[in-house]
Amino acid sequence: MTMDRWTLGGDLSVARIGYGAMKLTGWPKGERPGRETALAVLRRAVELGVNHIDTAYYYARDGVLANELIREALHPYPDDLVIVTKVGALVEGPDVARPAAEKTGLTPDGLRRGVEANLRSLGVDRLDVVNLRMGDLDRAQTSLAGPLETLLALREEGLIRHLGVSNVTAAELAEARAIAPIACVQNLYNLSRRDDDPLVEACAQAGIAYVPYFPVGGFQPITAARLEARGGPPRGDHAAGGPRLAAGQVAQHPADPRHRLARPPGGERRRRRSEAEPSGHGGARLGPPTGVRRRIRRGRACRRRACR
């Protein structure tokens, strides 16, 4: 499988399609594949040309850790494999329900603990990319400056190669760029959640990778009704609602390629195949939809960035 490649952080060549490891553990909810299936999915993804895997030490449930699955399946890692992790808010225990200013995961100790947990569970000496994940609640009084400065210090210690930010606004990205070089932005974005269109353009102009999570809906599958509620699909994309419904089915699959643009399955026959034959892509062929390819040509999406 041949995929376009993009440069992440100025020196990491990654395939345009990556793989998100969250659902390999069933975290935070939902079904998960068996261990052998999860390992096979990871190996198959790499065989097909995926070299950008997104994970986190807190993607864990019932003793199953995504990082440990990745290590078991792929270590010693291929030379070109880029593993992107995250630390910060939305980590573990009571932190999930706390306002951002009170999250222990955003404290200096919490951030170091998260970085070290990722290093240890992945079995590496340095993390390729670490995203600072900001919280969802009561953000107005929270600055990312302090947490990002902590991660910058850890980078200077040699524990991190590149820094990214996640769940941020355009203003927060500007604040982050004044503190440290930012390799990527990882935010919620899909056909029915396109509030970040201006931020996508800003990242393109700055040469920063915009990496959408839940590109095919995640916990809220993309349906024709949701698209209509948002004013319909973007101009240039498929007009019919059918392919979007199929994309929702992919999002619910335990081996869902969660963080990258993916072509929806082409009908019921392929959906049944995805259930019977686990693959690195949840049974779906990966690649940008026609409309997205047009937007790439216009420079409106994924130009000079590693969309996964």
Protein backbone atom coordinates (compact mmCIF):
# COMPACT_ATOMS: atom_id res chain seq x y z
CA MET A 1 0.00 0.00 0.00
CA THR A 2 1.53 3.31 -1.11
CA MET A 3 0.82 6.44 0.93
CA ASP A 4 1.90 10.04 0.62
CA ARG A 5 4.42 11.11 3.23
CA TRP A 6 4.67 14.31 5.22
CA THR A 7 7.37 15.84 7.40
CA LEU A 8 6.44 16.13 11.07
CA GLY A 9 8.46 18.52 13.19
CA GLY A 10 10.83 19.23 10.33
CA ASP A 11 12.65 15.89 10.46
CA LEU A 12 10.21 12.99 10.88
CA SER A 13 8.86 11.56 7.63
CA VAL A 14 5.46 10.00 8.29
CA ALA A 15 2.82 8.44 6.11
CA ARG A 16 -0.25 10.59 5.72
CA ILE A 17 -2.37 7.85 7.27
CA GLY A 18 -1.55 6.86 10.84
CA TYR A 19 -3.09 4.65 13.48
CA GLY A 20 -4.69 5.61 16.79
CA ALA A 21 -4.25 2.94 19.48
CA MET A 22 -6.94 4.01 21.95
CA LYS A 23 -9.58 1.44 21.06
CA LEU A 24 -7.15 -1.47 21.26
CA THR A 25 -7.78 -1.38 25.02
CA GLY A 26 -11.46 -0.40 25.04
CA TRP A 27 -10.53 2.77 26.93
CA PRO A 28 -12.48 4.65 28.14
CA LYS A 29 -15.51 2.58 27.16
CA GLY A 30 -16.72 0.12 24.58
CA GLU A 31 -15.55 -3.22 23.25
CA ARG A 32 -11.97 -4.14 22.57
CA PRO A 33 -10.34 -6.82 20.43
CA GLY A 34 -8.64 -9.82 21.97
CA ARG A 35 -4.93 -9.50 22.69
CA GLU A 36 -3.79 -11.54 19.69
CA THR A 37 -6.08 -9.56 17.40
CA ALA A 38 -4.72 -6.27 18.77
CA LEU A 39 -1.14 -7.40 18.18
CA ALA A 40 -2.02 -8.55 14.66
CA VAL A 41 -3.69 -5.20 13.90
CA LEU A 42 -0.59 -3.26 14.91
CA ARG A 43 1.75 -5.47 12.90
CA ARG A 44 -0.50 -5.37 9.86
CA ALA A 45 -0.78 -1.59 10.02
CA VAL A 46 3.01 -1.26 9.88
CA GLU A 47 3.22 -3.84 7.08
CA LEU A 48 0.81 -1.68 5.07
CA GLY A 49 2.98 1.39 5.44
CA VAL A 50 1.66 3.07 8.59
CA ASN A 51 4.60 4.57 10.50
CA HIS A 52 2.78 7.06 12.73
CA ILE A 53 1.06 5.60 15.80
CA ASP A 54 -0.76 7.71 18.37
CA THR A 55 -1.01 6.42 21.92
CA ALA A 56 -0.90 7.37 25.60
CA TYR A 57 0.07 5.66 28.82
CA TYR A 58 -3.47 6.14 30.13
CA TYR A 59 -5.04 4.22 27.24
CA ALA A 60 -5.53 1.29 29.58
CA ARG A 61 -8.37 -0.78 30.95
CA ASP A 62 -8.55 -3.97 32.99
CA GLY A 63 -4.78 -4.34 32.97
CA VAL A 64 -4.46 -3.95 29.17
CA LEU A 65 -2.20 -1.03 28.17
CA ALA A 66 -1.99 0.29 24.61
CA ASN A 67 1.70 1.12 25.04
CA GLU A 68 2.51 -2.41 26.14
CA LEU A 69 0.62 -3.84 23.17
CA ILE A 70 2.62 -1.61 20.85
CA ARG A 71 5.86 -2.68 22.47
CA GLU A 72 5.01 -6.37 22.31
CA ALA A 73 3.88 -6.17 18.69
CA LEU A 74 6.58 -3.94 17.22
CA HIS A 75 9.69 -3.79 19.44
CA PRO A 76 12.47 -3.52 18.35
CA TYR A 77 10.80 -0.70 16.48
CA PRO A 78 11.37 -0.04 12.76
CA ASP A 79 13.79 2.83 12.22
CA ASP A 80 11.12 5.03 10.63
CA LEU A 81 8.33 4.35 13.15
CA VAL A 82 7.11 7.53 14.86
CA ILE A 83 5.19 7.04 18.11
CA VAL A 84 3.27 10.08 19.31
CA THR A 85 2.14 10.18 22.94
CA LYS A 86 0.30 12.64 25.13
CA VAL A 87 0.28 13.88 28.71
CA GLY A 88 -1.66 16.46 30.67
CA ALA A 89 -5.40 16.69 31.26
CA LEU A 90 -7.80 13.78 30.76
CA VAL A 91 -5.43 11.29 32.27
CA GLU A 92 -6.66 9.15 35.10
CA GLY A 93 -8.87 8.80 38.14
CA PRO A 94 -10.59 11.92 39.51
CA ASP A 95 -8.63 14.21 37.16
CA VAL A 96 -11.16 13.54 34.40
CA ALA A 97 -13.95 15.45 36.18
CA ARG A 98 -11.82 18.31 37.56
CA PRO A 99 -11.53 21.79 36.06
CA ALA A 100 -8.31 22.19 34.09
CA ALA A 101 -6.71 24.38 36.76
CA GLU A 102 -7.11 21.57 39.31
CA LYS A 103 -5.93 18.64 37.21
CA THR A 104 -2.88 17.00 38.74
CA GLY A 105 -1.87 15.77 35.30
CA LEU A 106 -1.02 19.36 34.35
CA THR A 107 1.29 19.94 37.32
CA PRO A 108 5.07 19.62 36.89
CA ASP A 109 5.08 16.35 38.83
CA GLY A 110 2.11 15.00 36.89
CA LEU A 111 3.66 15.87 33.54
CA ARG A 112 7.00 14.27 34.40
CA ARG A 113 5.18 11.21 35.71
CA GLY A 114 3.26 10.95 32.43
CA VAL A 115 6.37 11.32 30.27
CA GLU A 116 8.26 8.73 32.32
CA ALA A 117 5.30 6.33 32.18
CA ASN A 118 5.23 6.60 28.39
CA LEU A 119 8.99 6.05 28.17
CA ARG A 120 8.87 3.03 30.46
CA SER A 121 5.86 1.29 28.92
CA LEU A 122 7.05 1.84 25.33
CA GLY A 123 10.61 0.81 26.17
CA VAL A 124 12.32 3.86 24.66
CA ASP A 125 14.82 6.46 25.89
CA ARG A 126 13.20 9.39 24.10
CA LEU A 127 9.66 10.07 22.91
CA ASP A 128 9.30 11.19 19.29
CA VAL A 129 6.43 13.60 19.95
CA VAL A 130 4.57 14.48 23.14
CA ASN A 131 1.28 16.35 22.92
CA LEU A 132 0.22 18.55 25.81
CA ARG A 133 -3.46 17.67 26.23
CA MET A 134 -5.49 20.52 27.70
CA GLY A 135 -8.75 19.85 29.56
CA ASP A 136 -12.37 20.20 28.50
CA LEU A 137 -13.82 21.98 31.56
CA ASP A 138 -13.44 25.55 32.85
CA ARG A 139 -10.61 26.44 30.51
CA ALA A 140 -10.95 30.23 30.75
CA GLN A 141 -8.72 30.52 33.81
CA THR A 142 -6.10 28.04 32.65
CA SER A 143 -2.94 28.87 30.74
CA LEU A 144 -0.91 26.24 28.94
CA ALA A 145 2.28 28.27 29.53
CA GLY A 146 3.30 26.56 32.77
CA PRO A 147 2.69 22.97 31.58
CA LEU A 148 4.37 23.63 28.23
CA GLU A 149 7.43 25.12 29.94
CA THR A 150 7.64 21.93 32.02
CA LEU A 151 7.60 19.81 28.86
CA LEU A 152 10.16 22.09 27.24
CA ALA A 153 12.48 21.43 30.19
CA LEU A 154 11.94 17.69 29.76
CA ARG A 155 12.80 18.06 26.09
CA GLU A 156 16.02 19.80 27.05
CA GLU A 157 16.78 16.79 29.27
CA GLY A 158 16.63 14.65 26.14
CA LEU A 159 13.39 12.84 27.02
CA ILE A 160 11.30 14.38 24.23
CA ARG A 161 12.12 15.11 20.59
CA HIS A 162 9.18 17.30 19.54
CA LEU A 163 6.27 18.98 21.31
CA GLY A 164 2.65 19.25 20.20
CA VAL A 165 -0.58 20.53 21.71
CA SER A 166 -4.00 18.94 21.86
CA ASN A 167 -7.52 20.22 22.46
CA VAL A 168 -6.48 23.84 22.00
CA THR A 169 -7.86 27.04 20.51
CA ALA A 170 -6.15 29.29 17.98
CA ALA A 171 -5.22 31.68 20.80
CA GLU A 172 -3.68 28.86 22.80
CA LEU A 173 -1.69 27.71 19.78
CA ALA A 174 -0.32 31.23 19.39
CA GLU A 175 0.58 31.25 23.09
CA ALA A 176 2.28 27.87 22.74
CA ARG A 177 4.33 28.93 19.71
CA ALA A 178 5.69 31.89 21.68
CA ILE A 179 7.09 29.40 24.24
CA ALA A 180 8.37 26.47 22.18
CA PRO A 181 8.44 25.09 18.62
CA ILE A 182 5.17 23.21 18.03
CA ALA A 183 5.24 20.22 15.68
CA CYS A 184 1.54 19.40 15.61
CA VAL A 185 -1.97 20.21 16.79
CA GLN A 186 -4.31 17.35 17.67
CA ASN A 187 -7.93 18.46 17.90
CA LEU A 188 -11.40 17.06 17.30
CA TYR A 189 -12.27 17.45 13.63
CA ASN A 190 -14.50 15.64 11.15
CA LEU A 191 -17.17 16.33 8.54
CA SER A 192 -19.76 17.20 11.18
CA ARG A 193 -17.35 19.02 13.57
CA ARG A 194 -15.59 21.64 11.49
CA ASP A 195 -15.26 24.53 13.92
CA ASP A 196 -11.49 24.25 13.52
CA ASP A 197 -11.48 25.15 9.81
CA PRO A 198 -9.70 28.48 10.51
CA LEU A 199 -7.17 26.69 12.74
CA VAL A 200 -6.53 24.10 10.01
CA GLU A 201 -5.69 26.97 7.65
CA ALA A 202 -3.47 28.64 10.25
CA CYS A 203 -1.55 25.41 10.80
CA ALA A 204 -1.10 24.95 7.04
CA GLN A 205 0.33 28.43 6.71
CA ALA A 206 2.70 27.85 9.63
CA GLY A 207 3.82 24.41 8.44
CA ILE A 208 2.40 22.77 11.57
CA ALA A 209 0.79 19.35 11.29
CA TYR A 210 -2.93 19.34 12.07
CA VAL A 211 -3.83 15.82 13.23
CA PRO A 212 -7.59 15.34 13.66
CA TYR A 213 -8.90 12.91 16.21
CA PHE A 214 -12.27 11.19 15.69
CA PRO A 215 -12.12 11.96 11.93
CA VAL A 216 -14.93 9.46 11.31
CA GLY A 217 -16.99 10.44 14.34
CA GLY A 218 -15.59 8.55 17.32
CA PHE A 219 -18.23 8.18 20.01
CA GLN A 220 -20.69 10.24 17.92
CA PRO A 221 -20.82 8.52 14.51
CA ILE A 222 -21.31 10.79 11.54
CA THR A 223 -24.84 10.46 10.18
CA ALA A 224 -26.79 12.26 7.48
CA ALA A 225 -28.89 13.92 10.21
CA ARG A 226 -25.81 15.28 11.99
CA LEU A 227 -24.41 16.59 8.73
CA GLU A 228 -27.69 18.32 7.91
CA ALA A 229 -27.73 19.87 11.39
CA ARG A 230 -24.31 21.34 10.60
CA GLY A 231 -25.41 22.68 7.25
CA GLY A 232 -24.59 19.65 5.11
CA PRO A 233 -21.26 18.24 3.96
CA PRO A 234 -18.48 20.60 2.89
CA ARG A 235 -18.70 21.79 -0.70
CA GLY A 236 -16.87 19.35 -2.93
CA ASP A 237 -17.45 16.31 -0.72
CA HIS A 238 -19.87 13.48 -1.50
CA ALA A 239 -23.40 14.82 -1.34
CA ALA A 240 -25.09 11.58 -0.33
CA GLY A 241 -25.41 10.63 3.32
CA GLY A 242 -24.76 6.92 2.79
CA PRO A 243 -20.94 7.01 2.92
CA ARG A 244 -21.08 9.02 6.14
CA LEU A 245 -23.24 6.37 7.78
CA ALA A 246 -20.66 3.79 6.75
CA ALA A 247 -17.94 5.92 8.31
CA GLY A 248 -19.83 5.75 11.59
CA GLN A 249 -19.73 1.98 11.39
CA VAL A 250 -15.95 2.09 11.02
CA ALA A 251 -15.70 4.37 14.06
CA GLN A 252 -17.42 1.78 16.21
CA HIS A 253 -15.05 -1.03 15.18
CA PRO A 254 -12.58 -1.97 17.97
CA ALA A 255 -9.67 -1.59 15.58
CA ASP A 256 -10.76 1.84 14.37
CA PRO A 257 -7.96 4.01 12.88
CA ARG A 258 -9.16 6.79 15.10
CA HIS A 259 -6.89 9.75 14.47
CA ARG A 260 -6.49 9.81 10.67
CA LEU A 261 -8.52 10.64 7.60
CA ALA A 262 -10.00 7.44 6.21
CA ARG A 263 -12.17 6.52 3.27
CA PRO A 264 -15.53 5.09 4.44
CA PRO A 265 -16.14 1.42 3.60
CA GLY A 266 -17.81 0.93 0.25
CA GLY A 267 -20.95 -0.89 1.33
CA GLU A 268 -22.23 -3.85 3.31
CA ARG A 269 -19.90 -6.43 1.74
CA ARG A 270 -16.79 -4.57 2.89
CA ARG A 271 -18.30 -3.94 6.33
CA ARG A 272 -18.78 -7.68 6.84
CA ARG A 273 -15.20 -8.25 5.74
CA SER A 274 -13.96 -5.77 8.36
CA GLU A 275 -15.70 -7.74 11.07
CA ALA A 276 -14.27 -11.05 9.91
CA GLU A 277 -10.71 -9.99 8.98
CA PRO A 278 -9.04 -7.64 11.48
CA SER A 279 -6.48 -5.44 9.80
CA GLY A 280 -4.42 -2.38 10.58
CA HIS A 281 -7.27 -0.23 9.34
CA GLY A 282 -10.33 -1.80 10.92
CA GLY A 283 -11.15 -3.50 7.63
CA ALA A 284 -11.45 -0.22 5.71
CA ARG A 285 -9.17 0.89 2.96
CA LEU A 286 -7.52 4.08 4.09
CA GLY A 287 -7.09 7.20 2.02
CA PRO A 288 -8.61 10.65 1.72
CA PRO A 289 -12.16 10.91 0.36
CA THR A 290 -12.53 12.61 -3.00
CA GLY A 291 -13.58 15.87 -1.44
CA VAL A 292 -10.59 15.90 0.87
CA ARG A 293 -8.25 15.27 -2.07
CA ARG A 294 -9.75 18.31 -3.75
CA ARG A 295 -9.21 20.33 -0.61
CA ILE A 296 -5.60 19.16 -0.50
CA ARG A 297 -5.11 20.40 -4.04
CA ARG A 298 -6.59 23.75 -3.04
CA GLY A 299 -4.35 23.81 0.04
CA ARG A 300 -7.38 23.69 2.35
CA ALA A 301 -6.52 20.51 4.21
CA CYS A 302 -3.45 18.52 5.21
CA ARG A 303 -1.01 20.47 3.04
CA ARG A 304 2.44 20.06 4.56
CA ARG A 305 1.05 18.29 7.57
CA ALA A 306 0.62 14.72 8.74
CA CYS A 307 -3.10 14.10 8.99
CA ARG A 308 -3.90 10.78 11.13
